[in-house]
């Protein structure tokens, strides 16, 4: 199966540097896997303003 030079490089790099995958996972947890604050989500939904189908149409 064909693999690009970039894929070969990344596979070799990750084999040579296993700590990179651990860092990726740790940093992913920092930014993306957060607990949802349901009260804050409800405030966002309550504050949402409905948009008209055509925003440039005069009232």
Protein backbone atom coordinates (compact mmCIF):
# COMPACT_ATOMS: atom_id res chain seq x y z
CA UNK A 1 0.00 0.00 0.00
CA UNK A 2 1.26 3.47 -0.89
CA UNK A 3 2.18 5.86 1.90
CA UNK A 4 3.28 9.40 1.28
CA UNK A 5 6.64 10.68 2.41
CA UNK A 6 4.88 12.74 5.06
CA UNK A 7 3.09 9.68 6.47
CA UNK A 8 6.36 7.74 6.54
CA UNK A 9 8.06 10.65 8.29
CA UNK A 10 5.30 11.00 10.90
CA UNK A 11 5.19 7.27 11.60
CA UNK A 12 8.96 7.18 12.06
CA UNK A 13 8.92 10.36 14.16
CA UNK A 14 6.25 8.96 16.50
CA UNK A 15 8.17 5.70 16.86
CA UNK A 16 11.35 7.61 17.72
CA UNK A 17 9.57 10.04 20.07
CA UNK A 18 6.80 8.23 21.99
CA UNK A 19 6.43 11.15 24.41
CA UNK A 20 4.90 13.24 21.61
CA UNK A 21 1.76 11.07 21.53
CA UNK A 22 1.46 11.38 25.32
CA UNK A 23 1.81 15.16 25.09
CA UNK A 24 -0.84 15.28 22.37
CA UNK A 25 -3.28 13.36 24.55
CA UNK A 26 -2.54 15.49 27.62
CA UNK A 27 -2.95 18.76 25.73
CA UNK A 28 -6.13 17.52 24.05
CA UNK A 29 -7.57 16.93 27.50
CA UNK A 30 -6.58 20.48 28.44
CA UNK A 31 -8.52 22.12 25.62
CA UNK A 32 -11.35 19.82 24.56
CA UNK A 33 -12.47 17.37 27.24
CA UNK A 34 -14.11 19.76 29.66
CA UNK A 35 -17.11 19.14 31.84
CA UNK A 36 -20.23 20.83 30.58
CA UNK A 37 -21.72 23.51 32.82
CA UNK A 38 -25.42 22.99 32.13
CA UNK A 39 -26.47 26.24 33.82
CA UNK A 40 -24.13 28.18 31.54
CA UNK A 41 -25.43 26.30 28.51
CA UNK A 42 -28.99 27.20 29.50
CA UNK A 43 -28.00 30.89 29.83
CA UNK A 44 -26.54 30.76 26.32
CA UNK A 45 -29.75 29.24 24.96
CA UNK A 46 -31.92 31.78 26.79
CA UNK A 47 -29.84 34.70 25.47
CA UNK A 48 -29.94 33.48 21.86
CA UNK A 49 -31.61 35.89 19.45
CA UNK A 50 -33.34 34.34 16.47
CA UNK A 51 -32.03 35.50 13.13
CA UNK A 52 -34.32 36.48 10.29
CA UNK A 53 -34.12 34.33 7.15
CA UNK A 54 -32.84 37.30 5.17
CA UNK A 55 -30.86 39.61 7.41
CA UNK A 56 -30.85 42.58 5.01
CA UNK A 57 -34.62 42.73 4.65
CA UNK A 58 -36.03 45.88 6.28
CA UNK A 59 -38.55 45.45 9.08
